[in-house]
């Protein structure tokens, strides 16, 4: 009888241990799944913002605020500071240098874009001037050709008048 009770309680204890292990594994995988989901979501959002949206769309403050506020507990802030200090020394110095490096790279990129914009604007302006000059030359050439045609027609009419030949008129349908 004692053996049956021992086996019964042992089975219950082992089932509880199994349930606890399964619960722990599920909790860990659930947390990792949430983190993976957020990481993939942030990658998709970043890709959409950089590749699929225009600069004008990204400047809308309704959709893309200048600052994003994140509420964290004291423990999360302490963990973040510890993580930053382990990675690069001091938290403030690391973040400041990272921000400065980022700002310098953005300034360099902005300067290159401004230079490209100015070059493109000058090129378009030069093309416009070239097209306007070409239009003026074509207009002058057509005007000269028209003047030459008028002079030729006047000479022919004078020659016809001097020979008393009536100008040729298309047939009006009468037989002569």
N, C-alpha and C. Protein backbone atom coordinates (compact mmCIF):
# COMPACT_ATOMS: atom_id res chain seq x y z
N UNK A 1 0.80 -1.18 0.00
CA UNK A 1 0.00 0.00 0.00
C UNK A 1 0.86 1.26 0.00
N UNK A 2 1.94 1.24 0.76
CA UNK A 2 2.84 2.38 0.83
C UNK A 2 3.49 2.65 -0.53
N UNK A 3 3.76 1.58 -1.25
CA UNK A 3 4.38 1.75 -2.57
C UNK A 3 3.42 2.45 -3.53
N UNK A 4 2.17 2.17 -3.46
CA UNK A 4 1.17 2.78 -4.34
C UNK A 4 1.08 4.28 -4.05
N UNK A 5 1.07 4.63 -2.76
CA UNK A 5 1.01 6.04 -2.38
C UNK A 5 2.28 6.76 -2.84
N UNK A 6 3.44 6.10 -2.67
CA UNK A 6 4.70 6.69 -3.11
C UNK A 6 4.69 6.93 -4.60
N UNK A 7 4.27 5.96 -5.39
CA UNK A 7 4.21 6.11 -6.84
C UNK A 7 3.22 7.21 -7.24
N UNK A 8 2.12 7.28 -6.55
CA UNK A 8 1.10 8.29 -6.85
C UNK A 8 1.65 9.70 -6.64
N UNK A 9 2.26 9.95 -5.46
CA UNK A 9 2.79 11.28 -5.18
C UNK A 9 4.00 11.60 -6.06
N UNK A 10 4.82 10.60 -6.37
CA UNK A 10 5.97 10.80 -7.25
C UNK A 10 5.49 11.20 -8.64
N UNK A 11 4.46 10.55 -9.14
CA UNK A 11 3.90 10.90 -10.45
C UNK A 11 3.36 12.33 -10.46
N UNK A 12 2.68 12.73 -9.39
CA UNK A 12 2.14 14.09 -9.30
C UNK A 12 3.27 15.11 -9.28
N UNK A 13 4.31 14.85 -8.48
CA UNK A 13 5.45 15.79 -8.39
C UNK A 13 6.15 15.90 -9.74
N UNK A 14 6.38 14.77 -10.41
CA UNK A 14 7.05 14.79 -11.71
C UNK A 14 6.20 15.50 -12.76
N UNK A 15 4.89 15.32 -12.72
CA UNK A 15 4.01 16.05 -13.64
C UNK A 15 4.07 17.55 -13.38
N UNK A 16 4.14 17.94 -12.10
CA UNK A 16 4.27 19.38 -11.78
C UNK A 16 5.59 19.95 -12.31
N UNK A 17 6.67 19.16 -12.16
CA UNK A 17 7.97 19.60 -12.68
C UNK A 17 7.90 19.74 -14.21
N UNK A 18 7.28 18.78 -14.88
CA UNK A 18 7.13 18.84 -16.33
C UNK A 18 6.32 20.06 -16.74
N UNK A 19 5.24 20.33 -16.04
CA UNK A 19 4.41 21.50 -16.34
C UNK A 19 5.21 22.79 -16.13
N UNK A 20 6.00 22.86 -15.06
CA UNK A 20 6.81 24.05 -14.79
C UNK A 20 7.85 24.26 -15.89
N UNK A 21 8.51 23.19 -16.33
CA UNK A 21 9.50 23.30 -17.41
C UNK A 21 8.85 23.74 -18.72
N UNK A 22 7.71 23.18 -19.03
CA UNK A 22 7.00 23.56 -20.26
C UNK A 22 6.56 25.02 -20.20
N UNK A 23 6.09 25.45 -19.02
CA UNK A 23 5.66 26.83 -18.85
C UNK A 23 6.85 27.78 -19.03
N UNK A 24 8.00 27.43 -18.46
CA UNK A 24 9.20 28.26 -18.59
C UNK A 24 9.65 28.34 -20.05
N UNK A 25 9.66 27.21 -20.74
CA UNK A 25 10.05 27.19 -22.15
C UNK A 25 9.09 28.02 -23.00
N UNK A 26 7.80 27.91 -22.72
CA UNK A 26 6.81 28.68 -23.46
C UNK A 26 6.99 30.17 -23.20
N UNK A 27 7.24 30.57 -21.96
CA UNK A 27 7.43 31.99 -21.62
C UNK A 27 8.65 32.56 -22.34
N UNK A 28 9.75 31.79 -22.33
CA UNK A 28 10.96 32.25 -23.02
C UNK A 28 10.72 32.40 -24.52
N UNK A 29 10.10 31.42 -25.12
CA UNK A 29 9.85 31.48 -26.57
C UNK A 29 8.87 32.59 -26.90
N UNK A 30 7.90 32.82 -26.03
CA UNK A 30 6.94 33.89 -26.25
C UNK A 30 7.64 35.25 -26.21
N UNK A 31 8.52 35.44 -25.23
CA UNK A 31 9.26 36.69 -25.11
C UNK A 31 10.19 36.88 -26.31
N UNK A 32 10.90 35.83 -26.71
CA UNK A 32 11.78 35.90 -27.87
C UNK A 32 10.99 36.16 -29.15
N UNK A 33 9.81 35.56 -29.23
CA UNK A 33 8.95 35.80 -30.40
C UNK A 33 8.50 37.24 -30.46
N UNK A 34 8.14 37.82 -29.32
CA UNK A 34 7.74 39.23 -29.30
C UNK A 34 8.89 40.14 -29.72
N UNK A 35 10.08 39.85 -29.23
CA UNK A 35 11.26 40.64 -29.58
C UNK A 35 11.56 40.49 -31.07
N UNK A 36 11.50 39.28 -31.59
CA UNK A 36 11.74 39.04 -33.02
C UNK A 36 10.69 39.76 -33.86
N UNK A 37 9.44 39.72 -33.42
CA UNK A 37 8.38 40.40 -34.14
C UNK A 37 8.64 41.90 -34.19
N UNK A 38 9.00 42.49 -33.06
CA UNK A 38 9.28 43.93 -33.03
C UNK A 38 10.50 44.29 -33.86
N UNK A 39 11.52 43.44 -33.85
CA UNK A 39 12.72 43.70 -34.65
C UNK A 39 12.37 43.68 -36.15
N UNK A 40 11.64 42.69 -36.58
CA UNK A 40 11.26 42.60 -38.00
C UNK A 40 10.35 43.76 -38.38
N UNK A 41 9.42 44.10 -37.50
CA UNK A 41 8.53 45.23 -37.76
C UNK A 41 9.32 46.53 -37.90
N UNK A 42 10.31 46.74 -37.03
CA UNK A 42 11.12 47.95 -37.13
C UNK A 42 11.95 47.96 -38.41
N UNK A 43 12.45 46.81 -38.84
CA UNK A 43 13.20 46.73 -40.10
C UNK A 43 12.30 47.06 -41.29
N UNK A 44 11.09 46.55 -41.28
CA UNK A 44 10.15 46.83 -42.37
C UNK A 44 9.79 48.32 -42.40
N UNK A 45 9.54 48.89 -41.23
CA UNK A 45 9.21 50.32 -41.17
C UNK A 45 10.39 51.15 -41.66
N UNK A 46 11.59 50.82 -41.22
CA UNK A 46 12.78 51.56 -41.66
C UNK A 46 12.96 51.45 -43.16
N UNK A 47 12.75 50.27 -43.71
CA UNK A 47 12.89 50.08 -45.16
C UNK A 47 11.84 50.88 -45.92
N UNK A 48 10.62 50.86 -45.43
CA UNK A 48 9.54 51.62 -46.08
C UNK A 48 9.84 53.12 -46.04
N UNK A 49 10.32 53.60 -44.88
CA UNK A 49 10.59 55.03 -44.75
C UNK A 49 11.75 55.47 -45.64
N UNK A 50 12.76 54.63 -45.81
CA UNK A 50 13.92 55.05 -46.59
C UNK A 50 13.76 54.80 -48.08
N UNK A 51 13.02 53.78 -48.48
CA UNK A 51 12.98 53.43 -49.90
C UNK A 51 11.65 53.72 -50.58
N UNK A 52 10.56 53.65 -49.87
CA UNK A 52 9.26 53.74 -50.54
C UNK A 52 8.55 55.07 -50.33
N UNK A 53 9.11 55.96 -49.53
CA UNK A 53 8.43 57.22 -49.26
C UNK A 53 9.27 58.39 -49.75
N UNK A 54 8.61 59.42 -50.20
CA UNK A 54 9.31 60.61 -50.64
C UNK A 54 9.71 61.45 -49.43
N UNK A 55 10.60 62.41 -49.68
CA UNK A 55 11.03 63.28 -48.59
C UNK A 55 9.86 64.11 -48.06
N UNK A 56 8.97 64.52 -48.95
CA UNK A 56 7.82 65.32 -48.51
C UNK A 56 6.93 64.52 -47.57
N UNK A 57 6.76 63.25 -47.85
CA UNK A 57 5.94 62.41 -46.97
C UNK A 57 6.60 62.25 -45.61
N UNK A 58 7.92 62.08 -45.62
CA UNK A 58 8.63 61.90 -44.35
C UNK A 58 8.65 63.16 -43.51
N UNK A 59 8.44 64.32 -44.13
CA UNK A 59 8.47 65.58 -43.37
C UNK A 59 7.15 65.89 -42.68
N UNK A 60 6.10 65.12 -42.95
CA UNK A 60 4.81 65.37 -42.31
C UNK A 60 4.91 65.06 -40.82
N UNK A 61 4.73 66.10 -40.01
CA UNK A 61 4.89 65.91 -38.57
C UNK A 61 3.73 65.12 -37.97
N UNK A 62 2.62 65.01 -38.69
CA UNK A 62 1.50 64.20 -38.18
C UNK A 62 1.88 62.73 -38.10
N UNK A 63 2.64 62.26 -39.10
CA UNK A 63 3.00 60.86 -39.16
C UNK A 63 4.39 60.58 -38.60
N UNK A 64 5.29 61.53 -38.75
CA UNK A 64 6.68 61.34 -38.34
C UNK A 64 7.09 62.48 -37.41
N UNK A 65 6.86 62.30 -36.12
CA UNK A 65 7.21 63.38 -35.18
C UNK A 65 8.72 63.57 -35.10
N UNK A 66 9.11 64.77 -34.70
CA UNK A 66 10.53 65.07 -34.59
C UNK A 66 11.18 64.23 -33.48
N UNK A 67 10.46 64.03 -32.38
CA UNK A 67 10.98 63.24 -31.26
C UNK A 67 10.01 62.11 -30.95
N UNK A 68 10.55 61.00 -30.50
CA UNK A 68 9.75 59.88 -30.05
C UNK A 68 10.03 59.69 -28.57
N UNK A 69 9.00 59.73 -27.77
CA UNK A 69 9.16 59.57 -26.33
C UNK A 69 8.93 58.11 -25.96
N UNK A 70 9.82 57.60 -25.13
CA UNK A 70 9.74 56.21 -24.71
C UNK A 70 9.69 56.21 -23.19
N UNK A 71 8.68 55.60 -22.65
CA UNK A 71 8.54 55.51 -21.19
C UNK A 71 9.20 54.22 -20.72
N UNK A 72 10.18 54.36 -19.85
CA UNK A 72 10.89 53.19 -19.34
C UNK A 72 10.91 53.25 -17.82
N UNK A 73 10.94 52.09 -17.23
CA UNK A 73 11.04 52.03 -15.77
C UNK A 73 12.48 52.30 -15.35
N UNK A 74 12.70 52.52 -14.07
CA UNK A 74 14.05 52.77 -13.56
C UNK A 74 14.96 51.57 -13.82
N UNK A 75 14.41 50.37 -13.72
CA UNK A 75 15.20 49.17 -13.96
C UNK A 75 15.67 49.10 -15.42
N UNK A 76 14.77 49.43 -16.35
CA UNK A 76 15.13 49.42 -17.77
C UNK A 76 16.20 50.46 -18.08
N UNK A 77 16.08 51.64 -17.46
CA UNK A 77 17.09 52.68 -17.67
C UNK A 77 18.44 52.22 -17.13
N UNK A 78 18.44 51.61 -15.95
CA UNK A 78 19.69 51.11 -15.36
C UNK A 78 20.30 50.02 -16.23
N UNK A 79 19.47 49.13 -16.77
CA UNK A 79 19.98 48.07 -17.65
C UNK A 79 20.57 48.67 -18.92
N UNK A 80 19.91 49.68 -19.47
CA UNK A 80 20.40 50.33 -20.69
C UNK A 80 21.74 51.01 -20.43
N UNK A 81 21.84 51.72 -19.32
CA UNK A 81 23.10 52.40 -19.00
C UNK A 81 24.21 51.39 -18.78
N UNK A 82 23.91 50.30 -18.10
CA UNK A 82 24.92 49.26 -17.88
C UNK A 82 25.36 48.65 -19.20
N UNK A 83 24.41 48.41 -20.07
CA UNK A 83 24.72 47.83 -21.39
C UNK A 83 25.59 48.79 -22.19
N UNK A 84 25.27 50.08 -22.17
CA UNK A 84 26.07 51.07 -22.91
C UNK A 84 27.46 51.20 -22.31
N UNK A 85 27.56 51.17 -21.00
CA UNK A 85 28.88 51.31 -20.38
C UNK A 85 29.73 50.07 -20.64
N UNK A 86 29.11 48.90 -20.77
CA UNK A 86 29.87 47.69 -21.09
C UNK A 86 30.36 47.75 -22.52
N UNK A 87 29.56 48.32 -23.42
CA UNK A 87 29.92 48.34 -24.83
C UNK A 87 30.99 49.37 -25.11
N UNK A 88 30.78 50.61 -24.64
CA UNK A 88 31.72 51.64 -25.07
C UNK A 88 32.29 52.50 -23.98
N UNK A 89 32.29 52.14 -22.78
CA UNK A 89 32.86 52.98 -21.73
C UNK A 89 31.76 53.71 -21.01
N UNK A 90 31.68 55.03 -21.22
CA UNK A 90 30.68 55.84 -20.54
C UNK A 90 29.45 56.02 -21.40
N UNK A 91 28.30 56.03 -20.79
CA UNK A 91 27.04 56.14 -21.52
C UNK A 91 26.94 57.48 -22.23
N UNK A 92 27.16 58.54 -21.50
CA UNK A 92 26.99 59.88 -22.07
C UNK A 92 28.01 60.14 -23.18
N UNK A 93 29.27 59.78 -22.92
CA UNK A 93 30.31 60.00 -23.93
C UNK A 93 30.06 59.18 -25.18
N UNK A 94 29.63 57.95 -25.02
CA UNK A 94 29.36 57.09 -26.16
C UNK A 94 28.20 57.63 -26.98
N UNK A 95 27.13 58.01 -26.29
CA UNK A 95 25.98 58.54 -27.02
C UNK A 95 26.31 59.86 -27.69
N UNK A 96 27.06 60.73 -27.00
CA UNK A 96 27.43 62.01 -27.58
C UNK A 96 28.29 61.82 -28.82
N UNK A 97 29.27 60.94 -28.75
CA UNK A 97 30.12 60.71 -29.92
C UNK A 97 29.33 60.08 -31.05
N UNK A 98 28.41 59.18 -30.72
CA UNK A 98 27.59 58.56 -31.77
C UNK A 98 26.70 59.60 -32.43
N UNK A 99 26.12 60.49 -31.63
CA UNK A 99 25.26 61.55 -32.19
C UNK A 99 26.09 62.49 -33.05
N UNK A 100 27.28 62.86 -32.58
CA UNK A 100 28.14 63.76 -33.36
C UNK A 100 28.57 63.12 -34.68
N UNK A 101 28.92 61.85 -34.64
CA UNK A 101 29.30 61.15 -35.87
C UNK A 101 28.13 61.09 -36.84
N UNK A 102 26.96 60.80 -36.31
CA UNK A 102 25.77 60.75 -37.16
C UNK A 102 25.46 62.11 -37.76
N UNK A 103 25.56 63.16 -36.95
CA UNK A 103 25.28 64.51 -37.45
C UNK A 103 26.29 64.92 -38.52
N UNK A 104 27.56 64.56 -38.34
CA UNK A 104 28.57 64.87 -39.36
C UNK A 104 28.27 64.15 -40.66
N UNK A 105 27.92 62.87 -40.58
CA UNK A 105 27.62 62.13 -41.80
C UNK A 105 26.38 62.68 -42.49
N UNK A 106 25.38 63.09 -41.69
CA UNK A 106 24.19 63.69 -42.29
C UNK A 106 24.51 65.03 -42.94
N UNK A 107 25.39 65.82 -42.31
CA UNK A 107 25.77 67.11 -42.89
C UNK A 107 26.52 66.91 -44.20
N UNK A 108 27.43 65.93 -44.21
CA UNK A 108 28.17 65.64 -45.44
C UNK A 108 27.21 65.22 -46.55
N UNK A 109 26.26 64.35 -46.20
CA UNK A 109 25.27 63.90 -47.19
C UNK A 109 24.42 65.06 -47.67
N UNK A 110 24.01 65.93 -46.74
CA UNK A 110 23.19 67.08 -47.12
C UNK A 110 23.99 68.03 -48.01
N UNK A 111 25.27 68.27 -47.68
CA UNK A 111 26.10 69.14 -48.50
C UNK A 111 26.25 68.59 -49.91
N UNK A 112 26.44 67.27 -50.03
CA UNK A 112 26.58 66.68 -51.36
C UNK A 112 25.27 66.78 -52.14
N UNK A 113 24.15 66.61 -51.44
CA UNK A 113 22.86 66.75 -52.13
C UNK A 113 22.61 68.18 -52.58
N UNK A 114 22.99 69.14 -51.74
CA UNK A 114 22.83 70.56 -52.12
C UNK A 114 23.70 70.87 -53.32
N UNK A 115 24.94 70.37 -53.33
CA UNK A 115 25.83 70.60 -54.46
C UNK A 115 25.25 69.96 -55.73
N UNK A 116 24.75 68.74 -55.62
CA UNK A 116 24.13 68.08 -56.79
C UNK A 116 22.93 68.87 -57.27
N UNK A 117 22.13 69.39 -56.35
CA UNK A 117 20.96 70.19 -56.71
C UNK A 117 21.38 71.44 -57.46
N UNK A 118 22.43 72.12 -56.97
CA UNK A 118 22.88 73.35 -57.63
C UNK A 118 23.42 73.06 -59.02
N UNK A 119 24.19 71.97 -59.16
CA UNK A 119 24.70 71.59 -60.48
C UNK A 119 23.56 71.28 -61.44
N UNK A 120 22.57 70.54 -60.96
CA UNK A 120 21.42 70.20 -61.79
C UNK A 120 20.65 71.44 -62.20
N UNK A 121 20.48 72.36 -61.27
CA UNK A 121 19.77 73.61 -61.57
C UNK A 121 20.52 74.42 -62.63
N UNK A 122 21.85 74.50 -62.50
CA UNK A 122 22.64 75.22 -63.50
C UNK A 122 22.56 74.55 -64.86
N UNK A 123 22.60 73.22 -64.86
CA UNK A 123 22.50 72.48 -66.13
C UNK A 123 21.15 72.73 -66.81
N UNK A 124 20.08 72.69 -66.02
CA UNK A 124 18.75 72.94 -66.58
C UNK A 124 18.65 74.36 -67.10
N UNK A 125 19.21 75.30 -66.36
CA UNK A 125 19.19 76.70 -66.79
C UNK A 125 19.97 76.87 -68.09
N UNK A 126 21.14 76.22 -68.18
CA UNK A 126 21.95 76.31 -69.40
C UNK A 126 21.21 75.67 -70.58
N UNK A 127 20.57 74.53 -70.35
CA UNK A 127 19.79 73.90 -71.42
C UNK A 127 18.66 74.80 -71.88
N UNK A 128 18.02 75.46 -70.94
CA UNK A 128 16.93 76.37 -71.29
C UNK A 128 17.43 77.52 -72.13
N UNK A 129 18.60 78.09 -71.78
CA UNK A 129 19.18 79.17 -72.57
C UNK A 129 19.56 78.68 -73.96
N UNK A 130 20.13 77.47 -74.04
CA UNK A 130 20.50 76.90 -75.34
C UNK A 130 19.26 76.69 -76.20
N UNK A 131 18.20 76.19 -75.62
CA UNK A 131 16.97 75.98 -76.38
C UNK A 131 16.37 77.30 -76.84
N UNK A 132 16.43 78.31 -76.00
CA UNK A 132 15.90 79.63 -76.37
C UNK A 132 16.71 80.23 -77.51
N UNK A 133 18.03 80.10 -77.45
CA UNK A 133 18.88 80.61 -78.53
C UNK A 133 18.61 79.85 -79.83
N UNK A 134 18.44 78.53 -79.74
CA UNK A 134 18.14 77.72 -80.93
C UNK A 134 16.80 78.13 -81.53
N UNK A 135 15.82 78.37 -80.67
CA UNK A 135 14.51 78.83 -81.15
C UNK A 135 14.62 80.16 -81.87
N UNK A 136 15.40 81.08 -81.32
CA UNK A 136 15.57 82.40 -81.95
C UNK A 136 16.27 82.25 -83.30
N UNK A 137 17.30 81.39 -83.38
CA UNK A 137 17.99 81.19 -84.67
C UNK A 137 17.04 80.59 -85.71
N UNK A 138 16.24 79.61 -85.29
CA UNK A 138 15.29 78.98 -86.21
C UNK A 138 14.26 80.00 -86.68
N UNK A 139 13.82 80.85 -85.79
CA UNK A 139 12.83 81.88 -86.14
C UNK A 139 13.43 82.86 -87.16
N UNK A 140 14.66 83.27 -86.93
CA UNK A 140 15.31 84.19 -87.88
C UNK A 140 15.51 83.53 -89.24
N UNK A 141 15.91 82.27 -89.24
CA UNK A 141 16.12 81.55 -90.50
C UNK A 141 14.81 81.43 -91.27
N UNK A 142 13.71 81.08 -90.59
CA UNK A 142 12.41 81.00 -91.25
C UNK A 142 11.97 82.37 -91.79
N UNK A 143 12.24 83.41 -91.03
CA UNK A 143 11.88 84.77 -91.47
C UNK A 143 12.64 85.13 -92.74
N UNK A 144 13.95 84.80 -92.78
CA UNK A 144 14.75 85.09 -93.99
C UNK A 144 14.22 84.30 -95.18
N UNK A 145 13.90 83.02 -94.99
CA UNK A 145 13.38 82.20 -96.09
C UNK A 145 12.05 82.75 -96.59
N UNK A 146 11.19 83.21 -95.67
CA UNK A 146 9.90 83.82 -96.08
C UNK A 146 10.13 85.08 -96.89
N UNK A 147 11.09 85.91 -96.46
CA UNK A 147 11.40 87.14 -97.20
C UNK A 147 11.92 86.80 -98.60
N UNK A 148 12.78 85.77 -98.69
CA UNK A 148 13.29 85.34 -100.00
C UNK A 148 12.16 84.84 -100.89
N UNK A 149 11.23 84.05 -100.32
CA UNK A 149 10.08 83.56 -101.10
C UNK A 149 9.21 84.71 -101.59
N UNK A 150 8.96 85.70 -100.74
CA UNK A 150 8.17 86.87 -101.14
C UNK A 150 8.85 87.61 -102.28
N UNK A 151 10.18 87.79 -102.16
CA UNK A 151 10.92 88.49 -103.22
C UNK A 151 10.85 87.72 -104.53
N UNK A 152 10.98 86.38 -104.46
CA UNK A 152 10.91 85.55 -105.67
C UNK A 152 9.52 85.64 -106.30
N UNK A 153 8.49 85.59 -105.48
CA UNK A 153 7.12 85.69 -106.00
C UNK A 153 6.91 87.05 -106.65
N UNK A 154 7.38 88.12 -106.02
CA UNK A 154 7.25 89.47 -106.60
C UNK A 154 7.99 89.57 -107.93
N UNK A 155 9.19 89.00 -108.03
CA UNK A 155 9.94 89.03 -109.31
C UNK A 155 9.18 88.28 -110.39
N UNK A 156 8.62 87.13 -110.06
CA UNK A 156 7.86 86.35 -111.04
C UNK A 156 6.61 87.12 -111.50
N UNK A 157 5.92 87.76 -110.57
CA UNK A 157 4.74 88.55 -110.94
C UNK A 157 5.12 89.72 -111.83
N UNK A 158 6.23 90.38 -111.55
CA UNK A 158 6.70 91.48 -112.41
C UNK A 158 7.07 90.97 -113.79
N UNK A 159 7.70 89.80 -113.85
CA UNK A 159 8.07 89.23 -115.15
C UNK A 159 6.81 88.88 -115.94
N UNK A 160 5.80 88.37 -115.30
CA UNK A 160 4.54 88.05 -115.99
C UNK A 160 3.84 89.32 -116.47
N UNK A 161 3.86 90.37 -115.65
CA UNK A 161 3.23 91.64 -116.04
C UNK A 161 3.96 92.25 -117.23
N UNK A 162 5.30 92.14 -117.25
CA UNK A 162 6.06 92.74 -118.35
C UNK A 162 5.82 91.99 -119.66
N UNK A 163 5.47 90.76 -119.63
CA UNK A 163 5.19 89.99 -120.85
C UNK A 163 3.70 89.95 -121.16
N UNK A 164 2.90 90.60 -120.39
CA UNK A 164 1.46 90.64 -120.53
C UNK A 164 0.85 89.25 -120.59
N UNK A 165 1.35 88.37 -119.77
CA UNK A 165 0.79 87.03 -119.67
C UNK A 165 -0.08 87.02 -118.43
N UNK A 166 -1.35 86.66 -118.64
CA UNK A 166 -2.19 86.63 -117.43
C UNK A 166 -1.73 85.51 -116.48
N UNK A 167 -1.85 85.76 -115.23
CA UNK A 167 -1.45 84.72 -114.29
C UNK A 167 -2.31 83.48 -114.47
N UNK A 168 -1.72 82.35 -114.27
CA UNK A 168 -2.43 81.08 -114.42
C UNK A 168 -3.39 80.89 -113.26
N UNK A 169 -4.60 80.58 -113.61
CA UNK A 169 -5.61 80.32 -112.59
C UNK A 169 -6.07 78.89 -112.76
N UNK A 170 -6.39 78.28 -111.72
CA UNK A 170 -6.89 76.89 -111.83
C UNK A 170 -8.17 76.86 -112.65
N UNK A 171 -8.40 75.72 -113.29
CA UNK A 171 -9.61 75.57 -114.11
C UNK A 171 -10.84 75.76 -113.25
N UNK A 172 -11.77 76.52 -113.80
CA UNK A 172 -13.01 76.73 -113.06
C UNK A 172 -14.08 75.78 -113.56
N UNK A 173 -13.71 74.84 -114.41
CA UNK A 173 -14.65 73.86 -114.89
C UNK A 173 -15.18 74.22 -116.28
N UNK A 174 -14.80 75.39 -116.87
CA UNK A 174 -15.27 75.79 -118.21
C UNK A 174 -14.25 75.36 -119.24
N UNK A 175 -14.69 74.93 -120.35
CA UNK A 175 -13.79 74.52 -121.44
C UNK A 175 -13.52 75.73 -122.30
N UNK A 176 -12.24 75.94 -122.77
CA UNK A 176 -11.94 77.09 -123.60
C UNK A 176 -11.93 76.72 -125.06
